[in-house]
Protein backbone atom coordinates (compact mmCIF):
# COMPACT_ATOMS: atom_id res chain seq x y z
CA MET A 1 131.23 103.43 76.08
CA THR A 2 131.92 100.23 77.98
CA VAL A 3 131.09 100.55 81.67
CA SER A 4 131.68 98.12 84.52
CA ARG A 5 130.49 98.38 88.10
CA ARG A 6 134.09 98.14 89.29
CA SER A 7 135.37 101.01 87.13
CA PHE A 8 132.38 103.20 87.95
CA VAL A 9 132.52 102.65 91.70
CA GLY A 10 136.29 102.98 91.72
CA GLY A 11 136.13 106.32 89.98
CA PHE A 12 133.31 107.50 92.20
CA ALA A 13 135.21 106.50 95.34
CA ALA A 14 138.30 108.35 94.13
CA ALA A 15 136.24 111.44 93.49
CA LEU A 16 134.73 111.30 96.95
CA GLY A 17 138.15 110.89 98.48
CA TYR A 18 139.39 113.93 96.59
CA LEU A 19 136.44 115.95 97.82
CA GLY A 20 137.15 114.89 101.40
CA VAL A 21 133.69 113.53 102.15
CA GLY A 22 134.71 110.04 103.26
CA THR A 23 134.58 110.93 106.92
CA GLU A 24 131.11 112.37 106.59
CA ILE A 25 129.87 109.20 104.92
CA ASP A 26 131.37 107.06 107.70
CA LEU A 27 129.75 109.25 110.34
CA PHE A 28 126.42 109.00 108.54
CA ALA A 29 126.63 105.20 108.48
CA GLN A 30 127.55 105.05 112.14
CA GLY A 31 124.79 107.48 113.02
CA GLN A 32 122.32 105.28 111.18
CA SER A 33 123.67 102.30 113.10
CA ARG A 34 123.05 103.95 116.45
CA ALA A 35 119.59 105.10 115.43
CA GLN A 36 118.68 101.59 114.30
CA GLY A 37 119.96 99.89 117.42
CA GLY A 38 122.32 97.58 115.59
CA ALA A 39 125.89 97.49 114.37
CA ARG A 40 126.92 97.90 110.77
CA PRO A 41 130.06 96.08 109.58
CA GLY A 42 131.65 99.39 108.60
CA ALA A 43 131.45 100.47 112.23
CA VAL A 44 133.17 97.35 113.58
CA SER A 45 135.52 96.31 110.82
CA ASN A 46 137.39 97.84 107.90
CA ASP A 47 136.84 94.60 105.98
CA TYR A 48 133.42 95.66 104.70
CA ASP A 49 133.39 93.54 101.57
CA SER A 50 133.97 90.30 103.48
CA PHE A 51 130.56 90.51 105.17
CA ALA A 52 127.30 89.07 103.91
CA HIS A 53 125.12 92.19 103.98
CA LEU A 54 121.66 90.96 104.97
CA SER A 55 120.47 93.76 107.23
CA SER A 56 119.34 96.76 105.19
CA ASN A 57 117.07 95.30 102.47
CA GLU A 58 119.41 96.38 99.69
CA ASN A 59 119.64 95.07 96.14
CA CYS A 60 122.74 92.90 96.42
CA TRP A 61 123.30 92.68 92.66
CA GLY A 62 123.84 96.39 92.13
CA PRO A 63 122.53 98.66 89.36
CA PRO A 64 122.12 97.19 85.87
CA GLU A 65 124.44 98.25 83.08
CA SER A 66 121.81 100.61 81.64
CA VAL A 67 121.80 102.61 84.88
CA MET A 68 125.58 102.50 85.30
CA LYS A 69 126.06 103.84 81.77
CA ALA A 70 123.55 106.65 82.29
CA MET A 71 125.25 107.73 85.51
CA ASN A 72 128.71 107.49 84.03
CA ASN A 73 127.67 109.68 81.11
CA ALA A 74 126.39 112.32 83.56
CA TRP A 75 129.82 112.96 85.13
CA LYS A 76 130.28 115.78 82.61
CA TYR A 77 127.65 117.76 84.54
CA SER A 78 129.35 117.41 87.92
CA ASN A 79 130.76 120.95 87.78
CA ARG A 80 127.43 122.59 86.92
CA TYR A 81 124.39 123.80 88.87
CA GLY A 82 121.77 124.22 86.15
CA TYR A 83 122.59 120.96 84.39
CA PRO A 84 120.29 118.81 82.21
CA ASP A 85 118.79 116.23 84.56
CA GLY A 86 117.39 113.77 82.05
CA GLY A 87 113.85 114.93 82.74
CA ILE A 88 113.63 112.81 85.88
CA VAL A 89 110.51 114.48 87.32
CA GLN A 90 108.70 114.29 83.99
CA GLU A 91 109.66 110.63 83.61
CA ILE A 92 108.39 109.76 87.10
CA ALA A 93 105.11 111.56 86.43
CA LYS A 94 104.72 109.78 83.08
CA HIS A 95 105.53 106.43 84.69
CA HIS A 96 102.61 106.85 87.10
CA GLY A 97 100.15 108.59 84.78
CA LEU A 98 100.37 111.83 86.77
CA LYS A 99 101.65 115.36 86.15
CA PRO A 100 105.06 116.76 87.14
CA GLU A 101 103.25 118.94 89.69
CA ASN A 102 102.36 115.72 91.52
CA VAL A 103 106.03 114.78 92.07
CA LEU A 104 108.52 115.87 94.72
CA LEU A 105 112.04 114.55 94.15
CA THR A 106 113.91 113.59 97.33
CA ALA A 107 117.09 111.98 98.65
CA GLY A 108 115.58 108.52 99.03
CA SER A 109 112.10 107.88 100.38
CA GLY A 110 113.48 108.58 103.86
CA GLU A 111 113.41 112.27 103.07
CA VAL A 112 109.76 111.95 102.02
CA LEU A 113 108.90 110.54 105.44
CA ASP A 114 110.70 113.40 107.20
CA VAL A 115 109.19 116.08 104.98
CA VAL A 116 105.68 114.76 105.55
CA GLY A 117 106.31 114.82 109.30
CA THR A 118 107.58 118.38 109.26
CA THR A 119 104.69 119.50 107.05
CA PHE A 120 101.80 117.83 108.83
CA LEU A 121 102.87 117.68 112.47
CA PRO A 122 102.90 121.35 113.48
CA ALA A 123 102.10 122.47 117.03
CA GLY A 124 102.23 119.01 118.55
CA LYS A 125 100.06 117.17 116.05
CA LYS A 126 100.58 113.39 116.13
CA VAL A 127 101.04 110.58 113.62
CA LEU A 128 99.00 107.36 113.81
CA GLY A 129 100.54 104.06 112.73
CA VAL A 130 101.43 100.56 113.84
CA GLU A 131 104.38 98.98 115.62
CA PRO A 132 106.55 97.41 114.48
CA SER A 133 106.81 99.29 111.22
CA TYR A 134 109.49 101.43 109.62
CA GLY A 135 110.32 103.64 112.60
CA SER A 136 111.81 106.64 110.80
CA VAL A 137 108.43 108.40 110.78
CA TYR A 138 108.07 108.00 114.53
CA GLN A 139 111.66 109.00 115.24
CA HIS A 140 111.26 112.16 113.20
CA ALA A 141 108.04 113.00 115.04
CA THR A 142 109.95 112.79 118.33
CA SER A 143 112.76 114.96 116.96
CA ILE A 144 110.32 117.78 116.16
CA LYS A 145 108.67 117.49 119.61
CA SER A 146 105.67 115.59 118.36
CA GLU A 147 104.46 112.09 119.18
CA ALA A 148 103.26 108.91 117.55
CA ILE A 149 100.19 106.87 118.41
CA LYS A 150 101.31 103.31 117.68
CA LEU A 151 98.87 100.41 117.49
CA PRO A 152 99.97 96.78 117.83
CA LEU A 153 99.89 94.37 114.92
CA GLY A 154 97.29 91.63 114.96
CA LYS A 155 98.08 88.06 116.01
CA ASP A 156 98.71 87.29 112.34
CA TYR A 157 101.30 90.13 112.25
CA ARG A 158 99.10 92.15 109.91
CA GLN A 159 98.06 95.78 110.29
CA ASP A 160 94.65 96.05 111.93
CA ILE A 161 92.72 98.42 109.66
CA PRO A 162 89.49 98.58 111.71
CA ALA A 163 91.58 99.46 114.78
CA MET A 164 93.33 102.21 112.83
CA ILE A 165 90.00 103.66 111.70
CA LYS A 166 88.70 103.60 115.26
CA ALA A 167 91.85 105.29 116.58
CA ALA A 168 91.75 107.91 113.82
CA HIS A 169 88.28 108.96 114.94
CA ALA A 170 89.14 108.80 118.64
CA HIS A 171 92.17 111.07 118.14
CA ALA A 172 90.96 113.08 115.13
CA ALA A 173 91.58 116.49 116.71
CA GLU A 174 95.21 115.72 117.52
CA LEU A 175 96.25 113.80 114.40
CA GLY A 176 98.35 115.29 111.61
CA PHE A 177 98.35 112.21 109.39
CA VAL A 178 98.06 108.42 109.27
CA TYR A 179 101.07 106.29 108.30
CA LEU A 180 100.76 103.02 106.41
CA CYS A 181 103.84 101.04 105.33
CA ASN A 182 102.68 98.74 102.54
CA PRO A 183 104.22 96.17 102.33
CA ASN A 184 105.13 96.58 105.96
CA ASN A 185 108.72 96.68 107.11
CA PRO A 186 109.80 94.50 108.99
CA THR A 187 107.08 91.86 108.58
CA GLY A 188 106.91 91.91 104.77
CA LEU A 189 103.12 91.58 104.81
CA VAL A 190 100.78 93.65 102.64
CA VAL A 191 97.65 95.64 103.30
CA THR A 192 95.29 94.55 100.55
CA SER A 193 93.79 97.04 98.11
CA LYS A 194 90.39 96.38 99.68
CA GLU A 195 91.77 97.23 103.12
CA VAL A 196 93.44 100.41 101.88
CA LYS A 197 90.11 101.58 100.48
CA GLN A 198 88.45 100.64 103.76
CA LEU A 199 90.96 102.82 105.61
CA LEU A 200 90.63 105.81 103.29
CA ASP A 201 86.85 105.63 103.35
CA GLY A 202 86.69 105.06 107.09
CA ILE A 203 88.93 107.73 108.61
CA PRO A 204 87.80 111.34 109.09
CA ALA A 205 87.39 113.17 105.79
CA GLY A 206 90.43 115.15 104.67
CA MET A 207 92.90 113.39 106.97
CA PRO A 208 96.21 112.89 105.11
CA VAL A 209 97.50 109.33 104.72
CA LEU A 210 101.18 108.64 104.02
CA ILE A 211 101.62 105.28 102.28
CA ASP A 212 105.19 104.02 102.12
CA GLU A 213 105.55 101.78 99.05
CA ALA A 214 109.31 101.20 99.22
CA TYR A 215 108.87 97.46 98.54
CA HIS A 216 105.98 97.69 96.08
CA HIS A 217 107.97 96.14 93.23
CA PHE A 218 108.47 92.77 94.94
CA VAL A 219 104.80 91.97 95.65
CA GLU A 220 103.15 88.93 94.04
CA ASN A 221 99.90 88.91 96.05
CA PRO A 222 97.04 89.69 93.61
CA GLU A 223 95.04 91.27 96.44
CA TYR A 224 97.63 94.07 96.69
CA ALA A 225 97.72 97.19 94.52
CA THR A 226 99.60 100.46 94.55
CA SER A 227 97.64 103.40 95.97
CA VAL A 228 98.86 105.86 93.32
CA PRO A 229 95.43 106.02 91.58
CA TYR A 230 93.97 107.68 94.68
CA ILE A 231 96.08 110.75 93.92
CA ALA A 232 94.39 111.22 90.55
CA GLU A 233 91.07 110.87 92.38
CA GLY A 234 91.97 113.83 94.59
CA ARG A 235 92.29 111.86 97.82
CA PRO A 236 94.60 113.27 100.54
CA VAL A 237 97.12 110.46 99.91
CA ILE A 238 100.91 110.81 99.80
CA ILE A 239 102.89 107.95 98.27
CA ALA A 240 106.57 107.47 99.13
CA ARG A 241 108.71 105.60 96.59
CA THR A 242 112.43 104.88 96.41
CA PHE A 243 115.10 103.80 93.94
CA SER A 244 117.08 102.28 96.84
CA LYS A 245 115.57 98.80 96.67
CA ILE A 246 114.77 97.15 93.36
CA ALA A 247 116.75 99.78 91.40
CA ALA A 248 119.84 99.24 93.62
CA LEU A 249 120.59 102.94 94.19
CA ALA A 250 120.59 103.00 98.00
CA GLY A 251 124.01 104.63 98.20
CA MET A 252 123.10 107.24 95.59
CA ARG A 253 119.98 108.51 97.44
CA LEU A 254 116.99 108.98 95.15
CA GLY A 255 113.30 108.80 95.99
CA TYR A 256 110.13 110.78 95.49
CA ALA A 257 106.72 111.66 96.84
CA LEU A 258 103.52 111.54 94.82
CA ALA A 259 100.57 113.64 95.95
CA SER A 260 98.15 116.34 94.85
CA LYS A 261 99.65 119.64 93.66
CA GLU A 262 98.35 121.36 96.78
CA THR A 263 100.04 118.82 99.04
CA ILE A 264 103.31 118.87 97.10
CA ASP A 265 103.35 122.67 97.33
CA LYS A 266 102.96 122.42 101.11
CA MET A 267 105.80 119.92 101.37
CA ARG A 268 108.31 121.48 98.97
CA PRO A 269 109.63 124.19 101.35
CA TYR A 270 110.80 121.46 103.75
CA SER A 271 112.65 119.46 101.11
CA MET A 272 116.40 119.94 100.67
CA GLY A 273 116.32 119.63 96.88
CA SER A 274 119.90 118.36 96.89
CA ILE A 275 119.85 115.42 94.48
CA ASN A 276 123.05 114.82 92.54
CA ALA A 277 123.28 114.91 88.75
CA LEU A 278 124.45 111.32 88.37
CA VAL A 279 121.54 109.66 90.13
CA LYS A 280 118.93 111.74 88.32
CA HIS A 281 120.13 110.28 85.02
CA GLY A 282 120.42 106.85 86.63
CA GLY A 283 116.84 107.12 87.88
CA VAL A 284 115.52 107.81 84.39
CA ALA A 285 117.33 104.75 83.07
CA ALA A 286 116.06 102.63 85.98
CA LEU A 287 112.45 103.55 85.28
CA LYS A 288 112.83 102.40 81.69
CA ASP A 289 114.76 99.19 82.41
CA THR A 290 111.80 97.06 83.40
CA ALA A 291 113.53 93.85 82.27
CA SER A 292 116.27 94.27 84.87
CA GLN A 293 113.70 94.90 87.59
CA ALA A 294 111.79 91.78 86.60
CA SER A 295 115.01 89.77 86.78
CA VAL A 296 115.82 91.10 90.25
CA LYS A 297 112.30 90.37 91.47
CA LYS A 298 112.52 86.76 90.30
CA MET A 299 115.92 86.20 91.90
CA VAL A 300 114.71 87.73 95.18
CA ILE A 301 111.56 85.62 95.31
CA ASP A 302 113.37 82.40 94.38
CA LEU A 303 116.07 82.92 97.04
CA ARG A 304 113.55 84.04 99.65
CA LYS A 305 111.42 80.94 99.14
CA LYS A 306 114.46 78.66 99.15
CA THR A 307 115.84 80.13 102.38
CA THR A 308 112.54 80.26 104.26
CA SER A 309 111.77 76.69 103.21
CA GLU A 310 115.12 75.59 104.63
CA LEU A 311 114.42 77.44 107.88
CA ASN A 312 110.96 75.92 108.13
CA ALA A 313 112.39 72.45 107.55
CA TYR A 314 114.95 73.16 110.27
CA GLY A 315 112.06 73.90 112.63
CA TYR A 316 111.89 77.71 112.62
CA GLU A 317 108.75 79.60 111.67
CA THR A 318 108.94 82.40 109.11
CA ILE A 319 106.38 85.09 108.34
CA PRO A 320 105.23 84.92 104.70
CA SER A 321 106.81 87.93 103.00
CA GLU A 322 106.08 89.91 99.84
CA THR A 323 109.39 91.78 99.91
CA ASN A 324 113.15 91.35 99.58
CA PHE A 325 113.41 90.35 103.25
CA PHE A 326 111.65 88.07 105.72
CA MET A 327 111.33 87.54 109.47
CA VAL A 328 112.11 84.29 111.27
CA ASN A 329 111.07 83.48 114.83
CA ILE A 330 114.30 82.58 116.61
CA GLY A 331 112.71 82.23 120.05
CA ARG A 332 115.20 84.39 121.92
CA GLU A 333 116.25 88.03 122.12
CA ILE A 334 117.76 89.26 118.86
CA GLN A 335 120.44 91.68 120.05
CA PRO A 336 123.00 89.06 121.22
CA VAL A 337 122.21 87.00 118.13
CA ILE A 338 123.13 89.95 115.88
CA GLN A 339 126.60 89.89 117.44
CA GLU A 340 126.89 86.13 116.97
CA PHE A 341 126.16 86.52 113.27
CA LEU A 342 128.60 89.42 112.99
CA ALA A 343 131.31 87.20 114.45
CA LYS A 344 130.67 84.91 111.49
CA LYS A 345 130.76 87.90 109.12
CA VAL A 346 127.03 87.83 108.42
CA GLN A 347 125.06 91.02 109.02
CA VAL A 348 121.38 90.58 109.96
CA GLY A 349 118.64 93.06 110.82
CA ARG A 350 118.31 95.22 113.90
CA PRO A 351 115.69 94.71 116.65
CA PHE A 352 112.11 95.71 115.89
CA PRO A 353 110.31 96.08 119.24
CA PRO A 354 108.12 94.49 120.39
CA MET A 355 109.04 91.60 118.03
CA THR A 356 112.48 91.21 119.58
CA THR A 357 112.53 87.41 119.30
CA HIS A 358 112.15 87.65 115.52
CA MET A 359 115.05 88.28 113.18
CA ARG A 360 114.71 90.22 109.93
CA VAL A 361 116.91 88.92 107.13
CA SER A 362 117.44 90.66 103.79
CA ILE A 363 117.81 88.63 100.62
CA GLY A 364 121.39 88.54 99.38
CA THR A 365 123.13 86.61 96.65
CA ALA A 366 122.89 82.82 96.55
CA GLU A 367 126.35 82.65 98.13
CA GLU A 368 125.35 85.07 100.89
CA MET A 369 122.19 83.12 101.67
CA ASP A 370 124.22 79.92 101.88
CA ARG A 371 126.55 81.68 104.34
CA PHE A 372 123.53 82.80 106.34
CA MET A 373 122.09 79.28 106.56
CA LYS A 374 125.46 77.84 107.56
CA ALA A 375 125.79 80.45 110.32
CA PHE A 376 122.18 79.94 111.41
CA LYS A 377 122.71 76.21 111.87
CA GLU A 378 125.88 76.85 113.86
CA ILE A 379 124.06 79.29 116.17
CA PHE A 380 120.68 77.55 116.53
CA PRO A 381 119.92 73.87 117.15
CA GLN A 382 117.52 72.04 114.88
CA LYS A 383 114.02 71.69 116.30
CA THR A 384 112.64 68.19 116.25
CA ARG A 385 109.06 69.29 115.62
CA ASN A 386 108.43 71.54 112.63
CA THR A 387 106.35 74.54 113.74
CA SER A 388 106.59 76.37 110.44
CA ALA A 389 103.05 77.71 110.18
CA GLY A 390 104.44 80.48 108.01
CA ALA A 391 106.06 78.22 105.44
CA GLN A 392 105.94 79.59 101.91
């Protein structure tokens, strides 16, 4: 069967229209926009495809043909409940050298973050993390009448592990878990494998640690390593992974948690378990298509280095990133700048307090990055002295 992205997406859109869920999707997007403090093109214009989408750290190239074919072949199960799912849980477990009992399938890694919060923040328990980081964990804590203890990043924009250990001991009685986004969003910087071990060894024994590895696949730094092996060791570690980034399935919603059987069993009652048939088959294909992931990683890194080098040469400092996005110091408040870029049909990242004079930019296609640089030079003057300490 010959499959194209256009024919697949067209058929999928028609099916959604028939089912009458378009409005719900629009409301979801707008709700996300309000929660993130920034506008999405869909909320301000019907001309969605004319924008350069550089705000949500998506894979701009879309799923590879192997994944599209697998999803297209799964349409025949769309009318069934107990359908064959391609063995997605077994394939994830095999991929990581774990058992199926160590896997909880979710609607993106965002659901993992919420489920962990609901599971481990009962009766006012708090989460410990840094700011800025991916704020969904903290927002969910607030929504369930809990709180977050947020530590500042260091002067080098990295997560301060000794400070986290100290805070974990100081607040041990009130903590439900520790949150570590690695690589961190929005800075793109990693916590090294040595530092992760330092954290796990240094915090109170038995304290759960949620490690968000959404951008794991893009890392080149040899000092970084996934924390999945700690699960096999029996450590109280929960890993969040997603197919939204390198696998390009953000709109299809597929992610998973990895943890001990005991921890997964605690979390499962709070999971919706509503993953669609198509994306389960697509996820299996994505796990196996390592060549496509390697190609995406190379394109991302090449375009990221090209763009940040141009910004540095133009006089604007960037933070060295290990992800499919980067931050640039623009020297003024980001919120009005977001609107200036939108006026030029370029969508950039939302504010990340307290770093509100930095702008997060996702990596798009070569054409989109050229549009970004053109808009950037129209909005910002060139600086005569190059202050690009973060040049890559």
